[in-house]
Amino acid sequence: MLQYLNQCSRGRGAWLLMALTAFILELVALWFQHVMLLQPCVMCIYERCALFGIMGAGLVGAIAPKTPLRYVAMAIWLYSAIRGLQLAWEHTMIQLHPSPFQTCDFAARFPTWLPLDKWLPQVFVASGDCSVRQWQFLSLEMPQWLVGIFAAYLLVAILVIVAQPFKAKKTRSVWSLSRGEYSPQ
């Protein structure tokens, strides 16, 4: 399995699939915000940023998956998954155990050199309360679903990183077989 994961990390398909899953989750978040009219809170916005980090990692990895650039993508992926899991867990705790002493900020705090809430307010402006439960599916709230999603991203990231020292499986193409390059193993 580790050889297979190493092989996958050296191909564009797996990286693009990861970027696609994060992109779909971003589209779902925007659907909730603009169609279902659920107001995103500050934690929701930060969780979106973590998803954008995972999507960015997928795109960076897809640029040149056979070069050391994929290690940069893995670092971005790992960091984004860890931060996303931390944020989703904290958000879940705020919703499960609301307290007047533990609240989230009124507005997202972005660096002055990256004011995402000014550049794309439709995506990055927070207008909701973190402790309000707005949506539920299969008895789980949205941040609880994100805990599972980020945990899955983190688990796969760790497995892919652990798989890097293992030799990638060699694949035989139809072209190499037709040229007589077949060597039984």
C-alpha atoms as a PDB file:
ATOM      1  CA  MET A   1       0.000   0.000   0.000  1.00  0.00           C
ATOM      2  CA  LEU A   2       2.814   2.427   0.825  1.00  0.00           C
ATOM      3  CA  GLN A   3       4.398   1.781  -2.567  1.00  0.00           C
ATOM      4  CA  TYR A   4       1.067   2.542  -4.192  1.00  0.00           C
ATOM      5  CA  LEU A   5       0.702   5.790  -2.227  1.00  0.00           C
ATOM      6  CA  ASN A   6       4.223   6.803  -3.244  1.00  0.00           C
ATOM      7  CA  GLN A   7       3.326   6.075  -6.861  1.00  0.00           C
ATOM      8  CA  CYS A   8       0.131   8.138  -6.552  1.00  0.00           C
ATOM      9  CA  SER A   9       2.064  11.080  -5.095  1.00  0.00           C
ATOM     10  CA  ARG A  10       4.214  11.088  -8.230  1.00  0.00           C
ATOM     11  CA  GLY A  11       1.247  11.475 -10.572  1.00  0.00           C
ATOM     12  CA  ARG A  12      -0.965  14.448 -11.338  1.00  0.00           C
ATOM     13  CA  GLY A  13      -4.239  12.569 -10.974  1.00  0.00           C
ATOM     14  CA  ALA A  14      -4.149  12.155  -7.200  1.00  0.00           C
ATOM     15  CA  TRP A  15      -3.105  15.779  -6.642  1.00  0.00           C
ATOM     16  CA  LEU A  16      -5.853  17.056  -8.931  1.00  0.00           C
ATOM     17  CA  LEU A  17      -8.376  14.787  -7.195  1.00  0.00           C
ATOM     18  CA  MET A  18      -7.411  16.288  -3.847  1.00  0.00           C
ATOM     19  CA  ALA A  19      -7.747  19.816  -5.250  1.00  0.00           C
ATOM     20  CA  LEU A  20     -11.121  18.866  -6.748  1.00  0.00           C
ATOM     21  CA  THR A  21     -12.487  17.533  -3.446  1.00  0.00           C
ATOM     22  CA  ALA A  22     -11.467  20.735  -1.647  1.00  0.00           C
ATOM     23  CA  PHE A  23     -12.965  22.825  -4.471  1.00  0.00           C
ATOM     24  CA  ILE A  24     -16.258  20.923  -4.212  1.00  0.00           C
ATOM     25  CA  LEU A  25     -16.320  21.516  -0.451  1.00  0.00           C
ATOM     26  CA  GLU A  26     -15.734  25.231  -1.084  1.00  0.00           C
ATOM     27  CA  LEU A  27     -18.637  25.258  -3.548  1.00  0.00           C
ATOM     28  CA  VAL A  28     -20.832  23.547  -0.952  1.00  0.00           C
ATOM     29  CA  ALA A  29     -19.858  26.215   1.599  1.00  0.00           C
ATOM     30  CA  LEU A  30     -20.777  28.965  -0.857  1.00  0.00           C
ATOM     31  CA  TRP A  31     -24.075  27.168  -1.594  1.00  0.00           C
ATOM     32  CA  PHE A  32     -24.873  27.167   2.120  1.00  0.00           C
ATOM     33  CA  GLN A  33     -24.003  30.857   2.355  1.00  0.00           C
ATOM     34  CA  HIS A  34     -25.573  32.329  -0.777  1.00  0.00           C
ATOM     35  CA  VAL A  35     -28.427  29.923  -1.612  1.00  0.00           C
ATOM     36  CA  MET A  36     -29.500  28.549   1.773  1.00  0.00           C
ATOM     37  CA  LEU A  37     -28.662  31.936   3.368  1.00  0.00           C
ATOM     38  CA  LEU A  38     -26.686  30.494   6.286  1.00  0.00           C
ATOM     39  CA  GLN A  39     -24.390  33.113   7.767  1.00  0.00           C
ATOM     40  CA  PRO A  40     -20.750  31.990   8.072  1.00  0.00           C
ATOM     41  CA  CYS A  41     -19.000  32.754  11.333  1.00  0.00           C
ATOM     42  CA  VAL A  42     -15.330  33.604  11.811  1.00  0.00           C
ATOM     43  CA  MET A  43     -14.433  29.966  12.475  1.00  0.00           C
ATOM     44  CA  CYS A  44     -16.251  28.985   9.263  1.00  0.00           C
ATOM     45  CA  ILE A  45     -14.148  31.490   7.330  1.00  0.00           C
ATOM     46  CA  TYR A  46     -10.925  30.170   8.853  1.00  0.00           C
ATOM     47  CA  GLU A  47     -12.003  26.603   8.029  1.00  0.00           C
ATOM     48  CA  ARG A  48     -12.604  27.759   4.444  1.00  0.00           C
ATOM     49  CA  CYS A  49      -9.065  29.117   4.384  1.00  0.00           C
ATOM     50  CA  ALA A  50      -7.750  25.721   5.491  1.00  0.00           C
ATOM     51  CA  LEU A  51      -9.708  24.112   2.655  1.00  0.00           C
ATOM     52  CA  PHE A  52      -8.220  26.633   0.231  1.00  0.00           C
ATOM     53  CA  GLY A  53      -4.809  25.588   1.578  1.00  0.00           C
ATOM     54  CA  ILE A  54      -5.563  21.954   0.787  1.00  0.00           C
ATOM     55  CA  MET A  55      -6.811  22.921  -2.664  1.00  0.00           C
ATOM     56  CA  GLY A  56      -3.645  24.974  -3.196  1.00  0.00           C
ATOM     57  CA  ALA A  57      -1.510  22.028  -2.080  1.00  0.00           C
ATOM     58  CA  GLY A  58      -3.246  19.854  -4.662  1.00  0.00           C
ATOM     59  CA  LEU A  59      -2.544  22.388  -7.399  1.00  0.00           C
ATOM     60  CA  VAL A  60       1.105  22.824  -6.347  1.00  0.00           C
ATOM     61  CA  GLY A  61       1.550  19.044  -6.293  1.00  0.00           C
ATOM     62  CA  ALA A  62      -0.026  18.718  -9.732  1.00  0.00           C
ATOM     63  CA  ILE A  63       2.427  21.201 -11.270  1.00  0.00           C
ATOM     64  CA  ALA A  64       5.430  18.877 -11.076  1.00  0.00           C
ATOM     65  CA  PRO A  65       4.617  15.734  -9.076  1.00  0.00           C
ATOM     66  CA  LYS A  66       7.851  13.922  -9.945  1.00  0.00           C
ATOM     67  CA  THR A  67      10.082  16.728  -8.638  1.00  0.00           C
ATOM     68  CA  PRO A  68      10.846  17.834  -5.071  1.00  0.00           C
ATOM     69  CA  LEU A  69       8.062  20.413  -5.483  1.00  0.00           C
ATOM     70  CA  ARG A  70       5.689  17.672  -4.341  1.00  0.00           C
ATOM     71  CA  TYR A  71       7.333  17.864  -0.893  1.00  0.00           C
ATOM     72  CA  VAL A  72       6.325  21.530  -0.710  1.00  0.00           C
ATOM     73  CA  ALA A  73       2.787  20.468  -1.619  1.00  0.00           C
ATOM     74  CA  MET A  74       2.862  17.805   1.101  1.00  0.00           C
ATOM     75  CA  ALA A  75       3.984  20.382   3.673  1.00  0.00           C
ATOM     76  CA  ILE A  76       1.155  22.749   2.680  1.00  0.00           C
ATOM     77  CA  TRP A  77      -1.292  19.826   2.748  1.00  0.00           C
ATOM     78  CA  LEU A  78      -0.153  18.658   6.184  1.00  0.00           C
ATOM     79  CA  TYR A  79      -0.215  22.160   7.695  1.00  0.00           C
ATOM     80  CA  SER A  80      -3.644  22.963   6.224  1.00  0.00           C
ATOM     81  CA  ALA A  81      -5.116  19.660   7.400  1.00  0.00           C
ATOM     82  CA  ILE A  82      -3.740  20.116  10.930  1.00  0.00           C
ATOM     83  CA  ARG A  83      -4.962  23.720  11.192  1.00  0.00           C
ATOM     84  CA  GLY A  84      -8.315  22.807   9.656  1.00  0.00           C
ATOM     85  CA  LEU A  85      -8.756  19.980  12.158  1.00  0.00           C
ATOM     86  CA  GLN A  86      -7.820  22.273  15.066  1.00  0.00           C
ATOM     87  CA  LEU A  87     -10.248  24.959  13.896  1.00  0.00           C
ATOM     88  CA  ALA A  88     -13.092  22.514  13.270  1.00  0.00           C
ATOM     89  CA  TRP A  89     -12.537  20.906  16.689  1.00  0.00           C
ATOM     90  CA  GLU A  90     -12.529  24.292  18.433  1.00  0.00           C
ATOM     91  CA  HIS A  91     -15.662  25.295  16.511  1.00  0.00           C
ATOM     92  CA  THR A  92     -17.351  22.030  17.509  1.00  0.00           C
ATOM     93  CA  MET A  93     -16.508  22.638  21.172  1.00  0.00           C
ATOM     94  CA  ILE A  94     -17.938  26.174  20.970  1.00  0.00           C
ATOM     95  CA  GLN A  95     -21.195  24.764  19.588  1.00  0.00           C
ATOM     96  CA  LEU A  96     -21.444  21.791  21.947  1.00  0.00           C
ATOM     97  CA  HIS A  97     -20.529  23.772  25.071  1.00  0.00           C
ATOM     98  CA  PRO A  98     -21.645  27.381  24.505  1.00  0.00           C
ATOM     99  CA  SER A  99     -20.385  29.859  27.049  1.00  0.00           C
ATOM    100  CA  PRO A 100     -20.731  33.630  27.276  1.00  0.00           C
ATOM    101  CA  PHE A 101     -17.030  33.733  28.139  1.00  0.00           C
ATOM    102  CA  GLN A 102     -15.845  31.808  25.088  1.00  0.00           C
ATOM    103  CA  THR A 103     -16.906  33.454  21.863  1.00  0.00           C
ATOM    104  CA  CYS A 104     -15.366  33.909  18.480  1.00  0.00           C
ATOM    105  CA  ASP A 105     -14.293  37.221  16.982  1.00  0.00           C
ATOM    106  CA  PHE A 106     -16.751  39.460  15.162  1.00  0.00           C
ATOM    107  CA  ALA A 107     -14.574  39.660  12.054  1.00  0.00           C
ATOM    108  CA  ALA A 108     -11.871  37.474  10.572  1.00  0.00           C
ATOM    109  CA  ARG A 109      -8.364  38.748  11.188  1.00  0.00           C
ATOM    110  CA  PHE A 110      -6.263  38.459   8.062  1.00  0.00           C
ATOM    111  CA  PRO A 111      -2.731  39.823   7.663  1.00  0.00           C
ATOM    112  CA  THR A 112      -2.499  43.350   6.271  1.00  0.00           C
ATOM    113  CA  TRP A 113      -0.619  41.971   3.270  1.00  0.00           C
ATOM    114  CA  LEU A 114      -3.465  39.500   2.536  1.00  0.00           C
ATOM    115  CA  PRO A 115      -6.821  41.165   3.310  1.00  0.00           C
ATOM    116  CA  LEU A 116      -9.001  38.404   1.862  1.00  0.00           C
ATOM    117  CA  ASP A 117     -12.142  39.870   3.419  1.00  0.00           C
ATOM    118  CA  LYS A 118     -11.527  43.085   1.449  1.00  0.00           C
ATOM    119  CA  TRP A 119     -10.588  41.369  -1.817  1.00  0.00           C
ATOM    120  CA  LEU A 120     -13.383  38.757  -1.848  1.00  0.00           C
ATOM    121  CA  PRO A 121     -16.032  39.787   0.683  1.00  0.00           C
ATOM    122  CA  GLN A 122     -18.598  37.362  -0.784  1.00  0.00           C
ATOM    123  CA  VAL A 123     -16.360  34.495   0.341  1.00  0.00           C
ATOM    124  CA  PHE A 124     -14.389  35.757   3.344  1.00  0.00           C
ATOM    125  CA  VAL A 125     -16.626  38.126   5.341  1.00  0.00           C
ATOM    126  CA  ALA A 126     -18.019  36.583   8.519  1.00  0.00           C
ATOM    127  CA  SER A 127     -21.508  37.589   9.590  1.00  0.00           C
ATOM    128  CA  GLY A 128     -22.648  34.735  11.830  1.00  0.00           C
ATOM    129  CA  ASP A 129     -22.197  33.586  15.410  1.00  0.00           C
ATOM    130  CA  CYS A 130     -19.936  30.581  16.014  1.00  0.00           C
ATOM    131  CA  SER A 131     -22.143  29.096  18.732  1.00  0.00           C
ATOM    132  CA  VAL A 132     -25.322  29.080  16.625  1.00  0.00           C
ATOM    133  CA  ARG A 133     -26.219  25.715  15.133  1.00  0.00           C
ATOM    134  CA  GLN A 134     -27.554  26.464  11.666  1.00  0.00           C
ATOM    135  CA  TRP A 135     -27.418  23.147   9.822  1.00  0.00           C
ATOM    136  CA  GLN A 136     -27.510  19.468  10.680  1.00  0.00           C
ATOM    137  CA  PHE A 137     -27.199  16.267   8.638  1.00  0.00           C
ATOM    138  CA  LEU A 138     -27.332  12.755  10.123  1.00  0.00           C
ATOM    139  CA  SER A 139     -27.377  14.355  13.589  1.00  0.00           C
ATOM    140  CA  LEU A 140     -24.012  16.080  13.038  1.00  0.00           C
ATOM    141  CA  GLU A 141     -23.471  19.822  12.788  1.00  0.00           C
ATOM    142  CA  MET A 142     -21.339  21.349  10.045  1.00  0.00           C
ATOM    143  CA  PRO A 143     -18.161  21.735  12.177  1.00  0.00           C
ATOM    144  CA  GLN A 144     -18.484  18.100  13.259  1.00  0.00           C
ATOM    145  CA  TRP A 145     -18.524  17.051   9.610  1.00  0.00           C
ATOM    146  CA  LEU A 146     -15.450  19.189   9.044  1.00  0.00           C
ATOM    147  CA  VAL A 147     -13.645  17.432  11.902  1.00  0.00           C
ATOM    148  CA  GLY A 148     -14.117  14.172  10.001  1.00  0.00           C
ATOM    149  CA  ILE A 149     -13.169  15.708   6.657  1.00  0.00           C
ATOM    150  CA  PHE A 150      -9.987  17.342   7.951  1.00  0.00           C
ATOM    151  CA  ALA A 151      -9.089  14.181   9.902  1.00  0.00           C
ATOM    152  CA  ALA A 152      -9.368  12.207   6.644  1.00  0.00           C
ATOM    153  CA  TYR A 153      -7.176  14.733   4.814  1.00  0.00           C
ATOM    154  CA  LEU A 154      -4.661  14.553   7.681  1.00  0.00           C
ATOM    155  CA  LEU A 155      -4.608  10.748   7.785  1.00  0.00           C
ATOM    156  CA  VAL A 156      -4.021  10.479   4.039  1.00  0.00           C
ATOM    157  CA  ALA A 157      -1.336  13.199   4.209  1.00  0.00           C
ATOM    158  CA  ILE A 158       0.524  11.306   6.935  1.00  0.00           C
ATOM    159  CA  LEU A 159       0.297   8.040   4.988  1.00  0.00           C
ATOM    160  CA  VAL A 160       1.575   9.693   1.798  1.00  0.00           C
ATOM    161  CA  ILE A 161       4.477  11.308   3.674  1.00  0.00           C
ATOM    162  CA  VAL A 162       5.362   8.011   5.377  1.00  0.00           C
ATOM    163  CA  ALA A 163       5.226   6.294   1.958  1.00  0.00           C
ATOM    164  CA  GLN A 164       7.857   8.560   0.390  1.00  0.00           C
ATOM    165  CA  PRO A 165      10.938   6.442   1.295  1.00  0.00           C
ATOM    166  CA  PHE A 166       9.303   3.340  -0.193  1.00  0.00           C
ATOM    167  CA  LYS A 167      10.059   2.677  -3.825  1.00  0.00           C
ATOM    168  CA  ALA A 168       7.173   3.503  -6.132  1.00  0.00           C
ATOM    169  CA  LYS A 169       5.627   0.578  -7.945  1.00  0.00           C
ATOM    170  CA  LYS A 170       6.765   0.326 -11.527  1.00  0.00           C
ATOM    171  CA  THR A 171       3.953   0.342 -13.997  1.00  0.00           C
ATOM    172  CA  ARG A 172       4.178  -1.360 -17.324  1.00  0.00           C
ATOM    173  CA  SER A 173       2.606   0.497 -20.160  1.00  0.00           C
ATOM    174  CA  VAL A 174       1.136  -1.059 -23.270  1.00  0.00           C
ATOM    175  CA  TRP A 175       3.866   0.690 -25.264  1.00  0.00           C
ATOM    176  CA  SER A 176       6.706  -0.967 -23.375  1.00  0.00           C
ATOM    177  CA  LEU A 177       5.067  -4.373 -23.813  1.00  0.00           C
ATOM    178  CA  SER A 178       4.648  -3.845 -27.559  1.00  0.00           C
ATOM    179  CA  ARG A 179       8.353  -2.957 -27.918  1.00  0.00           C
ATOM    180  CA  GLY A 180       9.364  -6.186 -26.207  1.00  0.00           C
ATOM    181  CA  GLU A 181      10.553  -4.544 -22.997  1.00  0.00           C
ATOM    182  CA  TYR A 182       8.688  -7.017 -20.814  1.00  0.00           C
ATOM    183  CA  SER A 183      10.715  -8.532 -18.019  1.00  0.00           C
ATOM    184  CA  PRO A 184       8.859 -10.949 -15.730  1.00  0.00           C
ATOM    185  CA  GLN A 185       9.311 -10.344 -12.042  1.00  0.00           C
END
